[in-house]
């Protein structure tokens, strides 16, 4: 299984290896009730991981878990069935794209696709998402703007009102704006830079000032490699996110990656920053000022349908728009939490990151 650049014994990898070792102990003849329950649960874990990763489209990771599970449970026919279903799905997809596709040189360990798609699930117990269309939200989130700009206002999606009104939040001009005028200024600490060769301010991602008698970058006193464009940016970083990652070289994990992984790596760095903001401010990542009013998906699904019996019976019937990778969405975040000395099994961490 692929591990992100810079990953040294990640928590997820150690947990998977420990699970494999535990499963292999079944051959030692320990038939206690506890051991039997552990074996049954472990087999079910392999099955669920493989099946759900396959549903997401991460066929290579799903195939890998089938291989791991089959090694621990050679007689488990369900894992072999899932493995054959994965290969059949890939074969059908390849033949649809190219009828002359030749399977003779195909290696599932390296050639299966591993980039899938998911939807954002809004669970009934999620209390972190505000009502973005309430009467108070636009006033609370309205940016400082010139007089010729109207503040966020509910808009219709078309000049011809449809029968069903779909509300959105918009910012639009009420007068002509000359070229070059600044119409919106918004600063954010939720930034990322995935290039070592072009260093930017760690806080705001602006270019660093040149070294002159009147201007110079500002480095963190504890980790000089982290540089800021100004004293205010250094101060904001120290109070909002930097203490959680100071001296831990977390950013190196997602920098200077290969071109096919560049988008995922940039997303990963943004995720790292959100986690650092949440840890430093002792809050849930969805309650951060930078994320609280973002929906996080391209569509807003029908909550009533998602939690209905029909949706449960047909999990693939709801459109999925968000890219998903087991490597970048599961393994790498677990590794980052480990490097930040966060015990992912502690009650506080479970409440903050597992809901």
Protein backbone atom coordinates (compact mmCIF):
# COMPACT_ATOMS: atom_id res chain seq x y z
CA UNK A 1 0.00 0.00 0.00
CA UNK A 2 1.33 3.47 -0.91
CA UNK A 3 2.41 5.68 1.96
CA UNK A 4 2.75 9.48 1.56
CA UNK A 5 6.23 10.99 1.17
CA UNK A 6 8.03 11.41 4.48
CA UNK A 7 5.80 8.94 6.29
CA UNK A 8 7.87 6.95 8.79
CA UNK A 9 5.93 4.21 10.59
CA UNK A 10 2.54 5.97 10.49
CA UNK A 11 -0.03 5.10 13.07
CA UNK A 12 -2.31 3.59 10.46
CA UNK A 13 0.44 1.34 9.10
CA UNK A 14 1.41 0.18 12.59
CA UNK A 15 -2.22 -0.54 13.44
CA UNK A 16 -2.70 -2.56 10.24
CA UNK A 17 0.50 -4.54 10.91
CA UNK A 18 -0.59 -5.18 14.49
CA UNK A 19 -3.97 -6.41 13.24
CA UNK A 20 -2.24 -8.75 10.77
CA UNK A 21 -0.04 -10.17 13.53
CA UNK A 22 -3.02 -10.65 15.81
CA UNK A 23 -4.86 -12.56 13.10
CA UNK A 24 -1.95 -14.88 12.46
CA UNK A 25 -1.97 -15.89 16.13
CA UNK A 26 -5.13 -17.89 15.55
CA UNK A 27 -3.01 -20.79 14.27
CA UNK A 28 -1.50 -21.23 17.72
CA UNK A 29 -4.58 -23.04 18.92
CA UNK A 30 -5.99 -20.42 21.28
CA UNK A 31 -9.70 -21.17 21.11
CA UNK A 32 -10.83 -18.94 23.94
CA UNK A 33 -14.12 -17.11 23.51
CA UNK A 34 -12.37 -13.73 23.50
CA UNK A 35 -9.95 -14.88 20.82
CA UNK A 36 -12.76 -16.20 18.65
CA UNK A 37 -14.64 -12.91 18.93
CA UNK A 38 -11.47 -11.00 18.03
CA UNK A 39 -10.91 -13.21 14.98
CA UNK A 40 -14.51 -12.78 13.80
CA UNK A 41 -14.34 -9.01 14.23
CA UNK A 42 -11.01 -8.81 12.42
CA UNK A 43 -12.34 -10.78 9.45
CA UNK A 44 -15.37 -8.51 9.32
CA UNK A 45 -13.06 -5.47 9.41
CA UNK A 46 -11.15 -6.72 6.37
CA UNK A 47 -14.40 -7.39 4.55
CA UNK A 48 -15.91 -3.99 5.32
CA UNK A 49 -12.73 -2.10 4.46
CA UNK A 50 -12.36 -3.90 1.14
CA UNK A 51 -16.03 -3.62 0.16
CA UNK A 52 -16.42 0.05 1.08
CA UNK A 53 -13.15 1.08 -0.55
CA UNK A 54 -14.33 -0.72 -3.68
CA UNK A 55 -17.65 1.16 -3.52
CA UNK A 56 -15.69 4.43 -3.32
CA UNK A 57 -13.64 3.47 -6.36
CA UNK A 58 -10.34 2.91 -4.51
CA UNK A 59 -9.86 -0.48 -6.12
CA UNK A 60 -6.13 -0.83 -5.45
CA UNK A 61 -6.51 -0.22 -1.71
CA UNK A 62 -9.55 -2.54 -1.63
CA UNK A 63 -7.57 -5.26 -3.41
CA UNK A 64 -4.70 -4.79 -0.93
CA UNK A 65 -7.02 -5.38 2.03
CA UNK A 66 -8.40 -8.48 0.32
CA UNK A 67 -4.84 -9.79 -0.02
CA UNK A 68 -4.06 -9.02 3.61
CA UNK A 69 -7.27 -10.61 4.79
CA UNK A 70 -6.77 -13.73 2.68
CA UNK A 71 -3.28 -14.15 4.13
CA UNK A 72 -4.70 -14.05 7.66
CA UNK A 73 -7.86 -16.03 6.76
CA UNK A 74 -7.08 -18.40 3.88
CA UNK A 75 -10.51 -20.06 4.11
CA UNK A 76 -12.53 -16.83 3.99
CA UNK A 77 -14.40 -17.14 0.70
CA UNK A 78 -16.01 -13.70 1.11
CA UNK A 79 -12.65 -11.96 0.66
CA UNK A 80 -11.97 -13.92 -2.50
CA UNK A 81 -15.43 -13.02 -3.80
CA UNK A 82 -14.72 -9.33 -3.16
CA UNK A 83 -11.35 -9.62 -4.87
CA UNK A 84 -12.90 -11.20 -7.96
CA UNK A 85 -15.62 -8.52 -8.00
CA UNK A 86 -12.93 -5.81 -7.93
CA UNK A 87 -11.11 -7.36 -10.88
CA UNK A 88 -14.39 -7.80 -12.78
CA UNK A 89 -15.34 -4.15 -12.19
CA UNK A 90 -11.97 -2.96 -13.45
CA UNK A 91 -12.13 -5.30 -16.47
CA UNK A 92 -15.55 -3.99 -17.45
CA UNK A 93 -14.42 -0.37 -17.10
CA UNK A 94 -11.27 -0.93 -19.14
CA UNK A 95 -13.12 -2.72 -21.93
CA UNK A 96 -15.69 0.07 -22.13
CA UNK A 97 -12.87 2.55 -22.63
CA UNK A 98 -10.84 0.36 -24.97
CA UNK A 99 -12.35 -2.84 -26.42
CA UNK A 100 -8.86 -4.06 -27.32
CA UNK A 101 -7.60 -3.85 -23.73
CA UNK A 102 -5.24 -6.75 -22.95
CA UNK A 103 -5.32 -8.17 -19.42
CA UNK A 104 -2.21 -10.34 -19.84
CA UNK A 105 0.21 -7.64 -18.63
CA UNK A 106 -2.14 -6.25 -15.99
CA UNK A 107 -0.85 -6.26 -12.39
CA UNK A 108 -3.64 -5.44 -9.89
CA UNK A 109 -1.14 -4.49 -7.18
CA UNK A 110 0.05 -1.51 -9.22
CA UNK A 111 -2.37 -0.99 -12.13
CA UNK A 112 -5.74 -0.84 -10.38
CA UNK A 113 -7.13 2.71 -10.00
CA UNK A 114 -7.01 4.13 -6.49
CA UNK A 115 -8.77 7.48 -6.84
CA UNK A 116 -12.44 7.27 -5.93
CA UNK A 117 -15.29 9.63 -5.12
CA UNK A 118 -17.58 10.17 -2.14
CA UNK A 119 -20.30 12.53 -0.98
CA UNK A 120 -20.32 14.60 2.16
CA UNK A 121 -22.59 13.02 4.74
CA UNK A 122 -24.45 15.29 7.12
CA UNK A 123 -25.40 13.06 10.02
CA UNK A 124 -28.43 13.92 12.19
CA UNK A 125 -26.19 14.34 15.24
CA UNK A 126 -23.90 16.84 13.52
CA UNK A 127 -24.35 20.10 15.44
CA UNK A 128 -21.41 21.91 13.83
CA UNK A 129 -23.12 23.04 10.61
CA UNK A 130 -24.97 26.35 11.00
CA UNK A 131 -28.00 27.46 9.03
CA UNK A 132 -26.23 29.33 6.22
CA UNK A 133 -29.49 30.92 5.08
CA UNK A 134 -30.76 32.22 8.41
CA UNK A 135 -31.52 35.95 8.71
CA UNK A 136 -28.48 36.52 10.93
CA UNK A 137 -25.87 34.61 8.93
CA UNK A 138 -25.26 37.18 6.14
CA UNK A 139 -24.85 39.94 8.73
CA UNK A 140 -22.45 37.82 10.77
CA UNK A 141 -20.34 36.78 7.81
CA UNK A 142 -20.57 39.97 5.71
CA UNK A 143 -17.08 41.14 4.69
CA UNK A 144 -15.99 44.75 4.85
CA UNK A 145 -16.68 46.08 1.36
CA UNK A 146 -16.84 49.44 -0.42
CA UNK A 147 -20.17 51.29 -0.63
CA UNK A 148 -20.70 50.14 -4.23
CA UNK A 149 -20.76 46.49 -3.10
CA UNK A 150 -23.86 45.03 -1.48
CA UNK A 151 -23.30 42.54 1.31
CA UNK A 152 -24.19 38.83 1.05
CA UNK A 153 -27.82 38.52 0.05
CA UNK A 154 -29.98 35.47 -0.73
CA UNK A 155 -30.08 35.09 -4.52
CA UNK A 156 -32.06 33.02 -6.97
CA UNK A 157 -30.09 30.84 -9.34
CA UNK A 158 -31.79 32.30 -12.43
CA UNK A 159 -33.21 35.59 -13.64
CA UNK A 160 -36.40 33.66 -14.34
CA UNK A 161 -37.55 32.45 -10.93
CA UNK A 162 -38.08 28.67 -10.99
CA UNK A 163 -41.03 26.99 -9.41
CA UNK A 164 -38.77 25.78 -6.61
CA UNK A 165 -36.59 28.49 -5.08
CA UNK A 166 -32.93 27.52 -4.55
CA UNK A 167 -31.19 29.99 -2.25
CA UNK A 168 -27.53 30.91 -2.46
CA UNK A 169 -25.43 33.60 -0.84
CA UNK A 170 -23.96 36.22 -3.14
CA UNK A 171 -21.95 39.43 -3.21
CA UNK A 172 -22.65 41.71 -6.14
CA UNK A 173 -22.00 45.24 -7.37
CA UNK A 174 -24.59 48.00 -7.13
CA UNK A 175 -22.56 50.49 -9.22
CA UNK A 176 -19.80 50.51 -11.83
CA UNK A 177 -16.40 49.63 -10.37
CA UNK A 178 -13.30 51.12 -12.06
CA UNK A 179 -10.54 48.69 -13.05
CA UNK A 180 -7.99 48.18 -10.31
CA UNK A 181 -10.29 49.00 -7.41
CA UNK A 182 -10.12 46.61 -4.48
CA UNK A 183 -13.62 45.21 -3.98
CA UNK A 184 -12.92 42.54 -1.39
CA UNK A 185 -10.12 42.02 1.09
CA UNK A 186 -10.22 38.86 3.12
CA UNK A 187 -7.33 37.33 5.04
CA UNK A 188 -7.22 33.70 6.10
CA UNK A 189 -4.80 31.48 7.96
CA UNK A 190 -6.17 28.41 6.18
CA UNK A 191 -3.50 28.46 3.47
CA UNK A 192 -1.00 26.01 2.00
CA UNK A 193 2.06 25.96 -0.24
CA UNK A 194 3.23 22.64 -1.68
CA UNK A 195 6.45 23.86 -3.29
CA UNK A 196 9.80 23.95 -1.47
CA UNK A 197 11.47 25.95 -4.25
CA UNK A 198 9.16 28.97 -3.89
CA UNK A 199 8.83 29.72 -0.18
CA UNK A 200 5.90 31.89 0.82
CA UNK A 201 4.71 33.35 4.10
CA UNK A 202 3.63 30.40 6.21
CA UNK A 203 0.56 32.27 7.48
CA UNK A 204 -0.90 34.20 4.53
CA UNK A 205 0.99 32.65 1.55
CA UNK A 206 2.15 36.04 0.26
CA UNK A 207 5.64 36.41 -1.24
CA UNK A 208 8.32 36.95 1.38
CA UNK A 209 9.86 40.44 1.45
CA UNK A 210 13.42 40.87 0.16
CA UNK A 211 16.32 41.15 2.55
CA UNK A 212 16.91 44.89 2.77
CA UNK A 213 17.75 47.30 5.59
CA UNK A 214 14.09 48.32 5.75
CA UNK A 215 12.37 44.93 5.30
CA UNK A 216 13.05 41.31 6.06
CA UNK A 217 11.17 38.04 6.71
CA UNK A 218 10.36 36.96 10.26
CA UNK A 219 11.25 33.44 11.37
CA UNK A 220 9.73 31.45 14.18
CA UNK A 221 12.12 31.61 17.17
CA UNK A 222 11.78 27.86 17.79
CA UNK A 223 11.92 26.57 14.20
CA UNK A 224 13.79 29.02 11.93
CA UNK A 225 12.75 27.16 8.77
CA UNK A 226 9.19 28.49 9.21
CA UNK A 227 9.22 32.05 7.86
CA UNK A 228 6.61 34.82 7.80
CA UNK A 229 6.28 37.98 5.75
CA UNK A 230 5.63 40.29 8.68
CA UNK A 231 5.49 40.53 12.45
CA UNK A 232 1.65 40.50 12.45
CA UNK A 233 1.64 37.21 10.50
CA UNK A 234 4.13 35.70 12.95
CA UNK A 235 1.95 36.83 15.86
CA UNK A 236 -1.23 35.43 14.30
CA UNK A 237 0.48 32.12 13.62
CA UNK A 238 1.71 31.82 17.20
CA UNK A 239 -1.76 32.40 18.62
CA UNK A 240 -3.86 30.46 16.08
CA UNK A 241 -2.07 27.39 14.69
CA UNK A 242 1.73 27.21 14.82
CA UNK A 243 2.24 25.86 18.38
CA UNK A 244 0.54 22.59 17.37
CA UNK A 245 3.11 21.90 14.62
CA UNK A 246 6.16 23.89 15.70
CA UNK A 247 9.36 21.94 15.00
CA UNK A 248 7.51 18.83 13.79
CA UNK A 249 8.21 19.21 10.03
CA UNK A 250 4.69 18.23 9.08
CA UNK A 251 4.54 20.33 5.92
CA UNK A 252 7.37 18.31 4.34
CA UNK A 253 4.98 15.36 3.98
CA UNK A 254 2.98 16.99 1.19
CA UNK A 255 5.58 19.16 -0.54
CA UNK A 256 7.30 18.63 -3.90
CA UNK A 257 5.19 15.59 -4.74
CA UNK A 258 4.90 14.02 -8.18
CA UNK A 259 2.66 15.83 -10.65
CA UNK A 260 -0.21 13.25 -10.50
CA UNK A 261 -0.44 13.74 -6.72
CA UNK A 262 -0.04 17.53 -6.65
CA UNK A 263 -3.74 18.30 -6.15
CA UNK A 264 -4.14 15.70 -3.41
CA UNK A 265 -0.97 16.93 -1.73
CA UNK A 266 -2.23 20.53 -1.69
CA UNK A 267 -5.54 19.39 -0.21
CA UNK A 268 -3.56 17.42 2.38
CA UNK A 269 -1.61 20.52 3.43
CA UNK A 270 -4.86 22.48 3.81
CA UNK A 271 -6.20 19.66 5.96
CA UNK A 272 -3.02 19.77 8.09
CA UNK A 273 -3.48 23.49 8.61
CA UNK A 274 -7.12 23.03 9.63
CA UNK A 275 -6.08 20.38 12.16
CA UNK A 276 -3.35 22.67 13.53
CA UNK A 277 -5.86 25.51 13.86
CA UNK A 278 -8.27 23.22 15.69
CA UNK A 279 -5.61 21.82 18.03
CA UNK A 280 -4.18 25.22 18.95
CA UNK A 281 -7.61 26.76 19.51
CA UNK A 282 -8.97 23.61 21.23
CA UNK A 283 -12.03 23.48 19.00
CA UNK A 284 -13.65 21.22 16.44
CA UNK A 285 -12.33 21.71 12.86
CA UNK A 286 -15.89 22.39 11.63
CA UNK A 287 -16.25 25.22 14.15
CA UNK A 288 -13.26 27.17 12.85
CA UNK A 289 -14.02 30.62 11.47
CA UNK A 290 -12.42 29.58 8.18
CA UNK A 291 -14.57 26.47 7.72
CA UNK A 292 -17.79 26.89 9.67
CA UNK A 293 -19.84 28.45 6.86
CA UNK A 294 -18.50 26.26 4.05
CA UNK A 295 -20.76 23.43 2.98
CA UNK A 296 -17.87 21.27 1.80
CA UNK A 297 -19.55 19.69 -1.22
CA UNK A 298 -20.79 20.77 -4.62
CA UNK A 299 -24.39 19.86 -3.88
CA UNK A 300 -26.57 19.85 -0.78
CA UNK A 301 -28.21 16.41 -0.68
CA UNK A 302 -31.67 15.66 0.59
CA UNK A 303 -31.05 14.81 4.24
CA UNK A 304 -34.35 12.95 4.46
CA UNK A 305 -33.39 10.65 1.62
CA UNK A 306 -29.83 10.01 2.79
CA UNK A 307 -31.01 8.56 6.07
CA UNK A 308 -33.92 6.60 4.62
CA UNK A 309 -34.18 2.86 4.10
CA UNK A 310 -34.02 3.24 0.31
CA UNK A 311 -30.68 5.09 0.52
CA UNK A 312 -29.27 2.41 2.80
CA UNK A 313 -30.34 -0.28 0.36
CA UNK A 314 -28.78 1.57 -2.59
CA UNK A 315 -25.64 3.29 -1.27
CA UNK A 316 -24.39 4.15 -4.77
CA UNK A 317 -27.62 5.80 -5.91
CA UNK A 318 -26.71 9.22 -4.48
CA UNK A 319 -24.37 11.37 -6.58
CA UNK A 320 -20.80 11.60 -5.30
CA UNK A 321 -18.72 14.62 -6.26
CA UNK A 322 -15.79 14.72 -3.84
CA UNK A 323 -12.49 12.98 -4.71
CA UNK A 324 -11.38 10.35 -2.21
CA UNK A 325 -8.15 8.44 -1.67
CA UNK A 326 -7.44 6.02 1.17
CA UNK A 327 -3.84 7.18 1.12
CA UNK A 328 -4.53 10.93 1.29
CA UNK A 329 -7.82 10.95 3.20
CA UNK A 330 -7.13 8.28 5.84
CA UNK A 331 -3.49 7.20 6.17
CA UNK A 332 -1.85 10.63 5.86
CA UNK A 333 -4.17 12.44 8.34
CA UNK A 334 -3.61 9.67 10.89
CA UNK A 335 0.13 10.06 10.41
CA UNK A 336 -0.08 13.83 10.91
CA UNK A 337 -2.07 13.44 14.13
CA UNK A 338 0.59 11.02 15.32
CA UNK A 339 3.38 13.50 14.53
CA UNK A 340 1.42 16.17 16.40
CA UNK A 341 1.40 13.85 19.45
CA UNK A 342 -2.39 13.53 19.31
CA UNK A 343 -3.68 10.27 20.78
CA UNK A 344 -6.39 9.41 18.27
CA UNK A 345 -8.01 7.00 20.72
CA UNK A 346 -8.35 9.56 23.51
CA UNK A 347 -11.95 10.74 24.14
CA UNK A 348 -11.10 14.35 23.26
CA UNK A 349 -9.55 13.38 19.93
CA UNK A 350 -12.45 11.07 19.08
CA UNK A 351 -14.96 13.87 19.68
CA UNK A 352 -12.88 16.32 17.65
CA UNK A 353 -11.89 14.20 14.64
CA UNK A 354 -14.21 11.18 14.45
CA UNK A 355 -17.60 12.75 13.92
